[in-house]
N, C-alpha and C. Protein backbone atom coordinates (compact mmCIF):
# COMPACT_ATOMS: atom_id res chain seq x y z
N MET A 1 0.49 -7.27 -20.30
CA MET A 1 0.45 -7.14 -18.85
C MET A 1 0.93 -5.74 -18.47
N PRO A 2 0.19 -5.06 -17.60
CA PRO A 2 0.58 -3.71 -17.19
C PRO A 2 1.93 -3.71 -16.45
N ALA A 3 2.66 -2.62 -16.62
CA ALA A 3 3.98 -2.50 -15.99
C ALA A 3 3.88 -2.62 -14.48
N GLU A 4 2.82 -2.08 -13.89
CA GLU A 4 2.67 -2.15 -12.44
C GLU A 4 2.54 -3.60 -11.97
N VAL A 5 1.81 -4.41 -12.71
CA VAL A 5 1.65 -5.82 -12.35
C VAL A 5 2.99 -6.54 -12.48
N LEU A 6 3.75 -6.25 -13.52
CA LEU A 6 5.08 -6.84 -13.67
C LEU A 6 5.99 -6.46 -12.50
N ALA A 7 5.93 -5.20 -12.07
CA ALA A 7 6.75 -4.75 -10.94
C ALA A 7 6.35 -5.46 -9.66
N ILE A 8 5.06 -5.66 -9.45
CA ILE A 8 4.58 -6.37 -8.27
C ILE A 8 5.10 -7.80 -8.28
N ILE A 9 4.95 -8.47 -9.41
CA ILE A 9 5.39 -9.86 -9.52
C ILE A 9 6.89 -9.96 -9.30
N SER A 10 7.64 -9.05 -9.87
CA SER A 10 9.09 -9.05 -9.71
C SER A 10 9.48 -8.88 -8.25
N ALA A 11 8.79 -7.99 -7.54
CA ALA A 11 9.14 -7.71 -6.15
C ALA A 11 8.74 -8.85 -5.22
N ILE A 12 7.50 -9.27 -5.29
CA ILE A 12 7.03 -10.26 -4.31
C ILE A 12 7.20 -11.69 -4.80
N GLY A 13 7.56 -11.85 -6.07
CA GLY A 13 7.81 -13.19 -6.59
C GLY A 13 9.13 -13.76 -6.12
N ASN A 14 9.94 -12.94 -5.50
CA ASN A 14 11.21 -13.37 -4.95
C ASN A 14 10.97 -13.81 -3.50
N SER A 15 11.31 -15.05 -3.18
CA SER A 15 11.00 -15.58 -1.85
C SER A 15 11.69 -14.81 -0.73
N ALA A 16 12.92 -14.36 -0.95
CA ALA A 16 13.62 -13.59 0.09
C ALA A 16 12.89 -12.29 0.39
N ARG A 17 12.42 -11.60 -0.66
CA ARG A 17 11.71 -10.33 -0.43
C ARG A 17 10.39 -10.56 0.28
N THR A 18 9.69 -11.62 -0.07
CA THR A 18 8.44 -11.92 0.62
C THR A 18 8.69 -12.24 2.08
N GLU A 19 9.75 -13.00 2.37
CA GLU A 19 10.12 -13.29 3.76
C GLU A 19 10.50 -12.01 4.50
N MET A 20 11.19 -11.12 3.83
CA MET A 20 11.56 -9.85 4.45
C MET A 20 10.32 -9.06 4.84
N LEU A 21 9.35 -8.97 3.94
CA LEU A 21 8.11 -8.27 4.25
C LEU A 21 7.41 -8.89 5.45
N ARG A 22 7.39 -10.21 5.50
CA ARG A 22 6.75 -10.91 6.61
C ARG A 22 7.44 -10.58 7.93
N HIS A 23 8.77 -10.64 7.96
CA HIS A 23 9.50 -10.33 9.18
C HIS A 23 9.33 -8.87 9.59
N LEU A 24 9.38 -7.97 8.63
CA LEU A 24 9.26 -6.55 8.93
C LEU A 24 7.84 -6.16 9.35
N SER A 25 6.87 -7.01 9.05
CA SER A 25 5.50 -6.77 9.50
C SER A 25 5.36 -6.96 11.00
N SER A 26 6.28 -7.72 11.60
CA SER A 26 6.23 -7.98 13.05
C SER A 26 6.83 -6.83 13.85
N GLY A 27 7.62 -6.00 13.22
CA GLY A 27 8.24 -4.88 13.91
C GLY A 27 9.48 -4.41 13.17
N ALA A 28 9.96 -3.24 13.56
CA ALA A 28 11.11 -2.64 12.91
C ALA A 28 12.36 -3.48 13.13
N MET A 29 13.18 -3.57 12.09
CA MET A 29 14.42 -4.33 12.16
C MET A 29 15.51 -3.59 11.40
N SER A 30 16.75 -3.77 11.85
CA SER A 30 17.89 -3.25 11.11
C SER A 30 18.21 -4.22 9.98
N THR A 31 19.06 -3.80 9.08
CA THR A 31 19.43 -4.68 7.97
C THR A 31 20.17 -5.92 8.48
N ARG A 32 20.98 -5.76 9.50
CA ARG A 32 21.71 -6.92 10.08
C ARG A 32 20.73 -7.90 10.70
N GLU A 33 19.78 -7.40 11.47
CA GLU A 33 18.77 -8.27 12.07
C GLU A 33 17.96 -8.99 10.99
N LEU A 34 17.62 -8.25 9.96
CA LEU A 34 16.84 -8.83 8.87
C LEU A 34 17.64 -9.89 8.13
N ALA A 35 18.91 -9.62 7.88
CA ALA A 35 19.77 -10.61 7.22
C ALA A 35 19.83 -11.90 8.03
N ASP A 36 19.98 -11.78 9.34
CA ASP A 36 20.01 -12.96 10.21
C ASP A 36 18.68 -13.70 10.20
N ALA A 37 17.58 -12.96 10.26
CA ALA A 37 16.25 -13.57 10.31
C ALA A 37 15.91 -14.32 9.02
N VAL A 38 16.30 -13.75 7.89
CA VAL A 38 15.95 -14.32 6.59
C VAL A 38 17.01 -15.32 6.10
N GLY A 39 18.22 -15.17 6.63
CA GLY A 39 19.30 -16.05 6.20
C GLY A 39 19.89 -15.65 4.87
N VAL A 40 19.95 -14.34 4.63
CA VAL A 40 20.47 -13.80 3.38
C VAL A 40 21.63 -12.87 3.72
N ASP A 41 22.66 -12.85 2.89
CA ASP A 41 23.81 -11.99 3.07
C ASP A 41 23.38 -10.53 3.16
N HIS A 42 24.04 -9.78 4.03
CA HIS A 42 23.70 -8.37 4.27
C HIS A 42 23.67 -7.54 2.99
N SER A 43 24.64 -7.74 2.11
CA SER A 43 24.67 -6.95 0.87
C SER A 43 23.45 -7.24 0.00
N ARG A 44 22.99 -8.46 0.01
CA ARG A 44 21.77 -8.80 -0.76
C ARG A 44 20.53 -8.19 -0.12
N ILE A 45 20.51 -8.15 1.21
CA ILE A 45 19.39 -7.53 1.91
C ILE A 45 19.24 -6.08 1.45
N LEU A 46 20.36 -5.38 1.35
CA LEU A 46 20.31 -3.98 0.91
C LEU A 46 19.72 -3.86 -0.49
N ARG A 47 20.10 -4.76 -1.39
CA ARG A 47 19.56 -4.72 -2.76
C ARG A 47 18.06 -5.04 -2.76
N HIS A 48 17.68 -6.04 -1.96
CA HIS A 48 16.25 -6.39 -1.87
C HIS A 48 15.45 -5.23 -1.29
N LEU A 49 15.98 -4.58 -0.26
CA LEU A 49 15.27 -3.44 0.33
C LEU A 49 15.09 -2.32 -0.68
N ALA A 50 16.07 -2.11 -1.53
CA ALA A 50 15.95 -1.06 -2.56
C ALA A 50 14.79 -1.36 -3.50
N VAL A 51 14.65 -2.62 -3.90
CA VAL A 51 13.53 -3.02 -4.78
C VAL A 51 12.21 -2.78 -4.07
N LEU A 52 12.12 -3.21 -2.82
CA LEU A 52 10.88 -3.06 -2.06
C LEU A 52 10.57 -1.59 -1.79
N GLU A 53 11.61 -0.81 -1.52
CA GLU A 53 11.39 0.61 -1.26
C GLU A 53 10.93 1.34 -2.52
N ASP A 54 11.44 0.95 -3.68
CA ASP A 54 11.01 1.58 -4.93
C ASP A 54 9.51 1.44 -5.16
N LEU A 55 8.92 0.36 -4.64
CA LEU A 55 7.48 0.15 -4.75
C LEU A 55 6.74 0.63 -3.50
N ASP A 56 7.46 1.26 -2.58
CA ASP A 56 6.88 1.77 -1.33
C ASP A 56 6.33 0.65 -0.45
N LEU A 57 6.92 -0.54 -0.55
CA LEU A 57 6.48 -1.68 0.25
C LEU A 57 7.15 -1.72 1.62
N VAL A 58 8.25 -0.99 1.78
CA VAL A 58 8.93 -0.88 3.06
C VAL A 58 9.19 0.59 3.36
N ILE A 59 9.34 0.88 4.64
CA ILE A 59 9.60 2.24 5.09
C ILE A 59 10.82 2.21 6.00
N ALA A 60 11.74 3.14 5.77
CA ALA A 60 12.92 3.31 6.62
C ALA A 60 12.69 4.49 7.56
N ASP A 61 13.33 4.43 8.73
CA ASP A 61 13.17 5.53 9.67
C ASP A 61 14.07 6.72 9.35
N HIS A 62 14.90 6.58 8.32
CA HIS A 62 15.71 7.70 7.82
C HIS A 62 15.48 7.78 6.31
N PRO A 63 15.29 8.97 5.76
CA PRO A 63 15.08 9.10 4.31
C PRO A 63 16.34 8.77 3.52
N ARG A 64 16.15 8.40 2.26
CA ARG A 64 17.29 8.16 1.37
C ARG A 64 18.19 9.39 1.40
N GLY A 65 19.48 9.14 1.33
CA GLY A 65 20.43 10.24 1.36
C GLY A 65 20.87 10.62 2.77
N GLN A 66 20.17 10.10 3.77
CA GLN A 66 20.52 10.40 5.17
C GLN A 66 20.73 9.12 5.96
N ARG A 67 21.11 8.06 5.29
CA ARG A 67 21.23 6.76 5.96
C ARG A 67 22.66 6.36 6.27
N ARG A 68 23.61 7.04 5.68
CA ARG A 68 25.01 6.67 5.91
C ARG A 68 25.58 7.51 7.04
N GLY A 69 26.44 6.89 7.78
CA GLY A 69 27.10 7.59 8.88
C GLY A 69 27.61 6.58 9.87
N VAL A 70 28.68 6.92 10.52
CA VAL A 70 29.27 6.01 11.49
C VAL A 70 28.28 5.73 12.60
N GLY A 71 28.01 4.48 12.80
CA GLY A 71 27.13 4.07 13.88
C GLY A 71 25.65 4.24 13.61
N ARG A 72 25.27 4.76 12.46
CA ARG A 72 23.86 4.97 12.15
C ARG A 72 23.20 3.63 11.83
N VAL A 73 22.14 3.35 12.51
CA VAL A 73 21.36 2.14 12.27
C VAL A 73 20.01 2.56 11.72
N VAL A 74 19.68 2.03 10.57
CA VAL A 74 18.40 2.32 9.93
C VAL A 74 17.44 1.18 10.26
N LEU A 75 16.26 1.53 10.70
CA LEU A 75 15.24 0.53 11.00
C LEU A 75 14.19 0.55 9.91
N TRP A 76 13.80 -0.65 9.51
CA TRP A 76 12.85 -0.85 8.41
C TRP A 76 11.58 -1.50 8.92
N THR A 77 10.46 -1.15 8.29
CA THR A 77 9.18 -1.81 8.56
C THR A 77 8.44 -2.02 7.25
N THR A 78 7.50 -2.92 7.27
CA THR A 78 6.64 -3.15 6.11
C THR A 78 5.57 -2.06 6.07
N ASN A 79 5.32 -1.53 4.89
CA ASN A 79 4.24 -0.58 4.67
C ASN A 79 2.99 -1.42 4.37
N ARG A 80 2.32 -1.82 5.42
CA ARG A 80 1.19 -2.75 5.28
C ARG A 80 0.10 -2.25 4.33
N LYS A 81 -0.22 -0.98 4.42
CA LYS A 81 -1.27 -0.42 3.57
C LYS A 81 -0.91 -0.58 2.09
N ARG A 82 0.34 -0.31 1.76
CA ARG A 82 0.79 -0.43 0.37
C ARG A 82 0.83 -1.90 -0.07
N VAL A 83 1.27 -2.78 0.82
CA VAL A 83 1.30 -4.22 0.50
C VAL A 83 -0.12 -4.69 0.19
N GLU A 84 -1.07 -4.29 1.02
CA GLU A 84 -2.46 -4.68 0.80
C GLU A 84 -3.00 -4.11 -0.50
N GLU A 85 -2.66 -2.86 -0.79
CA GLU A 85 -3.11 -2.22 -2.03
C GLU A 85 -2.58 -2.97 -3.25
N LEU A 86 -1.29 -3.26 -3.26
CA LEU A 86 -0.71 -3.96 -4.41
C LEU A 86 -1.24 -5.39 -4.51
N GLY A 87 -1.52 -6.00 -3.37
CA GLY A 87 -2.13 -7.33 -3.37
C GLY A 87 -3.49 -7.31 -4.06
N ARG A 88 -4.28 -6.28 -3.75
CA ARG A 88 -5.60 -6.14 -4.40
C ARG A 88 -5.45 -5.91 -5.91
N ARG A 89 -4.46 -5.10 -6.27
CA ARG A 89 -4.25 -4.83 -7.70
C ARG A 89 -3.82 -6.08 -8.45
N TRP A 90 -2.91 -6.86 -7.84
CA TRP A 90 -2.48 -8.11 -8.47
C TRP A 90 -3.65 -9.07 -8.58
N THR A 91 -4.43 -9.21 -7.52
CA THR A 91 -5.58 -10.10 -7.53
C THR A 91 -6.59 -9.69 -8.59
N ALA A 92 -6.84 -8.40 -8.70
CA ALA A 92 -7.78 -7.91 -9.71
C ALA A 92 -7.30 -8.26 -11.11
N TYR A 93 -6.02 -8.07 -11.35
CA TYR A 93 -5.48 -8.40 -12.67
C TYR A 93 -5.56 -9.90 -12.93
N ALA A 94 -5.12 -10.69 -11.95
CA ALA A 94 -5.05 -12.14 -12.12
C ALA A 94 -6.43 -12.77 -12.29
N THR A 95 -7.46 -12.12 -11.74
CA THR A 95 -8.81 -12.66 -11.84
C THR A 95 -9.65 -11.97 -12.91
N GLY A 96 -9.04 -11.03 -13.64
CA GLY A 96 -9.73 -10.35 -14.71
C GLY A 96 -10.75 -9.32 -14.24
N ARG A 97 -10.61 -8.88 -13.00
CA ARG A 97 -11.53 -7.88 -12.46
C ARG A 97 -10.85 -6.52 -12.41
N ARG A 98 -11.67 -5.51 -12.33
CA ARG A 98 -11.14 -4.15 -12.14
C ARG A 98 -10.83 -4.00 -10.66
N PRO A 99 -9.76 -3.26 -10.32
CA PRO A 99 -9.47 -3.01 -8.90
C PRO A 99 -10.62 -2.28 -8.24
N SER A 100 -10.91 -2.65 -7.00
CA SER A 100 -11.97 -1.97 -6.27
C SER A 100 -11.55 -0.55 -5.95
N SER A 101 -12.49 0.28 -5.61
CA SER A 101 -12.17 1.67 -5.27
C SER A 101 -11.28 1.74 -4.05
N ALA A 102 -11.35 0.74 -3.17
CA ALA A 102 -10.49 0.72 -1.98
C ALA A 102 -9.02 0.60 -2.36
N ALA A 103 -8.74 0.06 -3.54
CA ALA A 103 -7.35 -0.09 -3.98
C ALA A 103 -6.72 1.25 -4.30
N HIS A 104 -7.52 2.27 -4.45
CA HIS A 104 -6.99 3.57 -4.81
C HIS A 104 -6.92 4.53 -3.64
N ASP A 105 -7.27 4.08 -2.45
CA ASP A 105 -7.22 4.93 -1.25
C ASP A 105 -5.81 5.23 -0.85
């Protein structure tokens, strides 16, 4: 199994991360808002966001390294284009097909 497919399964195979993507698809949310919406502890939300961000599945309004600071609130959204792309890649692998050219856009 290709490493990319394993990474996709690891990221979206976790129900909390999938719920996070769904909530963030509706609009930007802070980590506190997301924790409340998903029902997951704030510290876990941060770890889940790191996994999703490593695959470019979520986007923060502040770049890494510029997120800490008194009173700074970072807003997150789902990177829909990337989610769709990885969905196509997973589907292609699971069905034994080659990814369509649209998957590489």
